[in-house]
């Protein structure tokens, strides 16, 4: 897991609503057609380099089905042209573009914008939602997770 040191400085223009781009890692730190877990403050983020599509994606690392921090170790693939990640434990699949569950469940995962500049991978982070405004998503088996932001 790549640890990200906290910084009050952003070397890139902020995202809307006070968000920032933070340097997650170098491009060579992420395996081809695979993922890594990046920690930013209290968040674990799964970062993927889908080399077959020449695309980068970032999602929450926690699978909402069993609340396991595992998506970064999942299998990348496509479903009807949609890039997806399959949880390594129970094979639930999620769109890397939208976070929607492609396995038919009503839960979804949070996605983050990604950009690459000079071999550095940046992930866009929004400020956390105010207390009480978190979105809670429940999967079909009554496991739930909170999403902030």
C-alpha atoms as a PDB file:
ATOM      1  CA  UNK A   1       0.000   0.000   0.000  1.00  0.00           C
ATOM      2  CA  UNK A   2       1.311   3.430  -0.856  1.00  0.00           C
ATOM      3  CA  UNK A   3       1.096   5.828   2.080  1.00  0.00           C
ATOM      4  CA  UNK A   4       0.411   9.426   1.120  1.00  0.00           C
ATOM      5  CA  UNK A   5       1.710  12.086   3.471  1.00  0.00           C
ATOM      6  CA  UNK A   6      -0.770  14.775   4.333  1.00  0.00           C
ATOM      7  CA  UNK A   7      -0.100  18.139   2.798  1.00  0.00           C
ATOM      8  CA  UNK A   8      -1.916  21.435   2.846  1.00  0.00           C
ATOM      9  CA  UNK A   9      -0.449  22.320  -0.532  1.00  0.00           C
ATOM     10  CA  UNK A  10      -1.782  21.309  -3.907  1.00  0.00           C
ATOM     11  CA  UNK A  11       0.471  21.662  -6.914  1.00  0.00           C
ATOM     12  CA  UNK A  12      -2.537  21.460  -9.222  1.00  0.00           C
ATOM     13  CA  UNK A  13      -5.642  23.601  -9.477  1.00  0.00           C
ATOM     14  CA  UNK A  14      -8.339  22.404  -7.097  1.00  0.00           C
ATOM     15  CA  UNK A  15     -11.345  20.453  -8.256  1.00  0.00           C
ATOM     16  CA  UNK A  16     -14.726  22.106  -7.902  1.00  0.00           C
ATOM     17  CA  UNK A  17     -16.114  22.640  -4.404  1.00  0.00           C
ATOM     18  CA  UNK A  18     -12.689  22.764  -2.743  1.00  0.00           C
ATOM     19  CA  UNK A  19     -11.354  19.411  -3.910  1.00  0.00           C
ATOM     20  CA  UNK A  20      -7.683  18.772  -4.683  1.00  0.00           C
ATOM     21  CA  UNK A  21      -5.494  16.569  -6.865  1.00  0.00           C
ATOM     22  CA  UNK A  22      -2.998  14.603  -4.808  1.00  0.00           C
ATOM     23  CA  UNK A  23       0.023  12.704  -6.148  1.00  0.00           C
ATOM     24  CA  UNK A  24      -0.798   9.032  -5.489  1.00  0.00           C
ATOM     25  CA  UNK A  25       2.246   7.300  -7.014  1.00  0.00           C
ATOM     26  CA  UNK A  26       4.439   6.943 -10.087  1.00  0.00           C
ATOM     27  CA  UNK A  27       2.996   5.172 -13.129  1.00  0.00           C
ATOM     28  CA  UNK A  28       5.475   2.283 -12.777  1.00  0.00           C
ATOM     29  CA  UNK A  29       4.174   1.576  -9.234  1.00  0.00           C
ATOM     30  CA  UNK A  30       0.919   0.162 -10.638  1.00  0.00           C
ATOM     31  CA  UNK A  31       1.069  -3.224 -12.402  1.00  0.00           C
ATOM     32  CA  UNK A  32      -0.164  -3.453 -15.983  1.00  0.00           C
ATOM     33  CA  UNK A  33      -3.838  -4.472 -16.016  1.00  0.00           C
ATOM     34  CA  UNK A  34      -3.860  -4.442 -12.215  1.00  0.00           C
ATOM     35  CA  UNK A  35      -4.313  -2.286  -9.179  1.00  0.00           C
ATOM     36  CA  UNK A  36      -2.781  -0.996  -5.972  1.00  0.00           C
ATOM     37  CA  UNK A  37      -4.197   0.416  -2.764  1.00  0.00           C
ATOM     38  CA  UNK A  38      -3.364   4.045  -2.022  1.00  0.00           C
ATOM     39  CA  UNK A  39      -4.087   5.557   1.368  1.00  0.00           C
ATOM     40  CA  UNK A  40      -5.005   9.237   1.529  1.00  0.00           C
ATOM     41  CA  UNK A  41      -5.739  10.481   5.047  1.00  0.00           C
ATOM     42  CA  UNK A  42      -8.380   7.984   6.267  1.00  0.00           C
ATOM     43  CA  UNK A  43      -9.421   6.751   2.818  1.00  0.00           C
ATOM     44  CA  UNK A  44      -8.233   3.599   1.073  1.00  0.00           C
ATOM     45  CA  UNK A  45      -8.440   4.066  -2.688  1.00  0.00           C
ATOM     46  CA  UNK A  46      -8.040   1.341  -5.296  1.00  0.00           C
ATOM     47  CA  UNK A  47      -6.043   2.664  -8.255  1.00  0.00           C
ATOM     48  CA  UNK A  48      -6.093   0.705 -11.529  1.00  0.00           C
ATOM     49  CA  UNK A  49      -4.074   0.879 -14.736  1.00  0.00           C
ATOM     50  CA  UNK A  50      -6.178  -0.823 -17.397  1.00  0.00           C
ATOM     51  CA  UNK A  51      -3.381  -1.011 -19.965  1.00  0.00           C
ATOM     52  CA  UNK A  52      -5.438  -3.000 -22.482  1.00  0.00           C
ATOM     53  CA  UNK A  53      -7.647   0.103 -22.735  1.00  0.00           C
ATOM     54  CA  UNK A  54      -4.860   2.615 -21.978  1.00  0.00           C
ATOM     55  CA  UNK A  55      -6.987   4.026 -19.133  1.00  0.00           C
ATOM     56  CA  UNK A  56      -6.627   4.811 -15.410  1.00  0.00           C
ATOM     57  CA  UNK A  57      -9.383   4.464 -12.800  1.00  0.00           C
ATOM     58  CA  UNK A  58      -9.749   4.962  -9.052  1.00  0.00           C
ATOM     59  CA  UNK A  59     -12.478   3.680  -6.742  1.00  0.00           C
ATOM     60  CA  UNK A  60     -13.001   3.109  -3.068  1.00  0.00           C
ATOM     61  CA  UNK A  61     -11.071   0.009  -1.999  1.00  0.00           C
ATOM     62  CA  UNK A  62     -13.860  -1.383   0.167  1.00  0.00           C
ATOM     63  CA  UNK A  63     -16.265  -3.785  -1.482  1.00  0.00           C
ATOM     64  CA  UNK A  64     -19.737  -2.889  -0.121  1.00  0.00           C
ATOM     65  CA  UNK A  65     -20.945  -6.488  -0.210  1.00  0.00           C
ATOM     66  CA  UNK A  66     -18.850  -7.751   2.719  1.00  0.00           C
ATOM     67  CA  UNK A  67     -17.121  -4.488   3.660  1.00  0.00           C
ATOM     68  CA  UNK A  68     -13.683  -5.912   2.828  1.00  0.00           C
ATOM     69  CA  UNK A  69     -10.785  -3.713   1.682  1.00  0.00           C
ATOM     70  CA  UNK A  70     -10.067  -5.784  -1.391  1.00  0.00           C
ATOM     71  CA  UNK A  71     -11.062  -4.183  -4.687  1.00  0.00           C
ATOM     72  CA  UNK A  72      -7.467  -3.184  -5.511  1.00  0.00           C
ATOM     73  CA  UNK A  73      -6.694  -6.928  -5.736  1.00  0.00           C
ATOM     74  CA  UNK A  74      -9.642  -7.654  -8.019  1.00  0.00           C
ATOM     75  CA  UNK A  75      -9.738  -8.713 -11.660  1.00  0.00           C
ATOM     76  CA  UNK A  76     -10.060  -6.083 -14.382  1.00  0.00           C
ATOM     77  CA  UNK A  77     -12.240  -6.754 -17.382  1.00  0.00           C
ATOM     78  CA  UNK A  78     -14.987  -5.397 -19.609  1.00  0.00           C
ATOM     79  CA  UNK A  79     -18.704  -6.066 -19.826  1.00  0.00           C
ATOM     80  CA  UNK A  80     -20.430  -4.820 -22.977  1.00  0.00           C
ATOM     81  CA  UNK A  81     -17.596  -2.316 -23.428  1.00  0.00           C
ATOM     82  CA  UNK A  82     -17.841  -1.098 -19.800  1.00  0.00           C
ATOM     83  CA  UNK A  83     -14.582  -1.335 -17.812  1.00  0.00           C
ATOM     84  CA  UNK A  84     -15.172  -3.279 -14.607  1.00  0.00           C
ATOM     85  CA  UNK A  85     -13.532  -4.642 -11.482  1.00  0.00           C
ATOM     86  CA  UNK A  86     -14.513  -7.960  -9.884  1.00  0.00           C
ATOM     87  CA  UNK A  87     -14.081  -8.344  -6.132  1.00  0.00           C
ATOM     88  CA  UNK A  88     -11.507 -11.110  -5.520  1.00  0.00           C
ATOM     89  CA  UNK A  89     -13.651 -12.707  -2.791  1.00  0.00           C
ATOM     90  CA  UNK A  90     -17.189 -12.989  -4.147  1.00  0.00           C
ATOM     91  CA  UNK A  91     -16.814 -11.815  -7.777  1.00  0.00           C
ATOM     92  CA  UNK A  92     -19.356  -8.977  -7.548  1.00  0.00           C
ATOM     93  CA  UNK A  93     -18.514  -6.639 -10.436  1.00  0.00           C
ATOM     94  CA  UNK A  94     -18.573  -2.853 -10.490  1.00  0.00           C
ATOM     95  CA  UNK A  95     -18.200  -0.326 -13.299  1.00  0.00           C
ATOM     96  CA  UNK A  96     -14.875   1.489 -13.030  1.00  0.00           C
ATOM     97  CA  UNK A  97     -16.420   4.476 -14.808  1.00  0.00           C
ATOM     98  CA  UNK A  98     -19.609   4.948 -12.762  1.00  0.00           C
ATOM     99  CA  UNK A  99     -19.270   2.691  -9.697  1.00  0.00           C
ATOM    100  CA  UNK A 100     -22.559   0.935 -10.537  1.00  0.00           C
ATOM    101  CA  UNK A 101     -22.824  -2.732  -9.514  1.00  0.00           C
ATOM    102  CA  UNK A 102     -22.953  -4.777 -12.717  1.00  0.00           C
ATOM    103  CA  UNK A 103     -23.943  -7.975 -10.869  1.00  0.00           C
ATOM    104  CA  UNK A 104     -27.524  -6.853 -10.324  1.00  0.00           C
ATOM    105  CA  UNK A 105     -27.208  -5.668  -6.709  1.00  0.00           C
ATOM    106  CA  UNK A 106     -28.414  -2.221  -5.694  1.00  0.00           C
ATOM    107  CA  UNK A 107     -25.122  -1.161  -4.098  1.00  0.00           C
ATOM    108  CA  UNK A 108     -22.396   0.831  -5.823  1.00  0.00           C
ATOM    109  CA  UNK A 109     -18.865   2.064  -5.187  1.00  0.00           C
ATOM    110  CA  UNK A 110     -17.422   5.555  -5.138  1.00  0.00           C
ATOM    111  CA  UNK A 111     -15.218   6.551  -8.073  1.00  0.00           C
ATOM    112  CA  UNK A 112     -12.544   9.259  -8.250  1.00  0.00           C
ATOM    113  CA  UNK A 113     -11.118  11.223 -11.192  1.00  0.00           C
ATOM    114  CA  UNK A 114      -7.575  10.279 -12.230  1.00  0.00           C
ATOM    115  CA  UNK A 115      -4.985  12.086 -14.330  1.00  0.00           C
ATOM    116  CA  UNK A 116      -1.376  11.344 -15.252  1.00  0.00           C
ATOM    117  CA  UNK A 117       1.248  14.040 -15.712  1.00  0.00           C
ATOM    118  CA  UNK A 118       4.978  13.411 -16.198  1.00  0.00           C
ATOM    119  CA  UNK A 119       4.660   9.778 -14.995  1.00  0.00           C
ATOM    120  CA  UNK A 120       2.901  10.815 -11.763  1.00  0.00           C
ATOM    121  CA  UNK A 121      -0.636   9.545 -11.124  1.00  0.00           C
ATOM    122  CA  UNK A 122      -2.960  12.064  -9.442  1.00  0.00           C
ATOM    123  CA  UNK A 123      -6.311  11.270  -7.826  1.00  0.00           C
ATOM    124  CA  UNK A 124      -8.960  13.953  -7.364  1.00  0.00           C
ATOM    125  CA  UNK A 125     -10.449  14.192  -3.880  1.00  0.00           C
ATOM    126  CA  UNK A 126     -13.480  16.173  -2.781  1.00  0.00           C
ATOM    127  CA  UNK A 127     -13.794  17.462   0.787  1.00  0.00           C
ATOM    128  CA  UNK A 128     -15.791  15.144   3.069  1.00  0.00           C
ATOM    129  CA  UNK A 129     -19.541  15.602   3.318  1.00  0.00           C
ATOM    130  CA  UNK A 130     -20.774  17.301   6.493  1.00  0.00           C
ATOM    131  CA  UNK A 131     -21.802  14.946   9.286  1.00  0.00           C
ATOM    132  CA  UNK A 132     -25.289  13.616   8.709  1.00  0.00           C
ATOM    133  CA  UNK A 133     -25.067  13.999   4.921  1.00  0.00           C
ATOM    134  CA  UNK A 134     -23.217  10.745   4.261  1.00  0.00           C
ATOM    135  CA  UNK A 135     -24.846   8.427   1.767  1.00  0.00           C
ATOM    136  CA  UNK A 136     -25.477   4.898   3.087  1.00  0.00           C
ATOM    137  CA  UNK A 137     -25.790   2.132   0.523  1.00  0.00           C
ATOM    138  CA  UNK A 138     -27.071  -1.334   1.415  1.00  0.00           C
ATOM    139  CA  UNK A 139     -26.446  -4.438  -0.634  1.00  0.00           C
ATOM    140  CA  UNK A 140     -28.985  -7.212  -0.994  1.00  0.00           C
ATOM    141  CA  UNK A 141     -27.576  -9.127   2.003  1.00  0.00           C
ATOM    142  CA  UNK A 142     -28.120  -6.156   4.385  1.00  0.00           C
ATOM    143  CA  UNK A 143     -24.459  -5.154   4.652  1.00  0.00           C
ATOM    144  CA  UNK A 144     -24.127  -1.378   4.485  1.00  0.00           C
ATOM    145  CA  UNK A 145     -21.389   1.150   4.021  1.00  0.00           C
ATOM    146  CA  UNK A 146     -21.111   4.916   4.403  1.00  0.00           C
ATOM    147  CA  UNK A 147     -19.795   7.119   1.628  1.00  0.00           C
ATOM    148  CA  UNK A 148     -18.476  10.555   2.498  1.00  0.00           C
ATOM    149  CA  UNK A 149     -18.494  13.158  -0.240  1.00  0.00           C
END
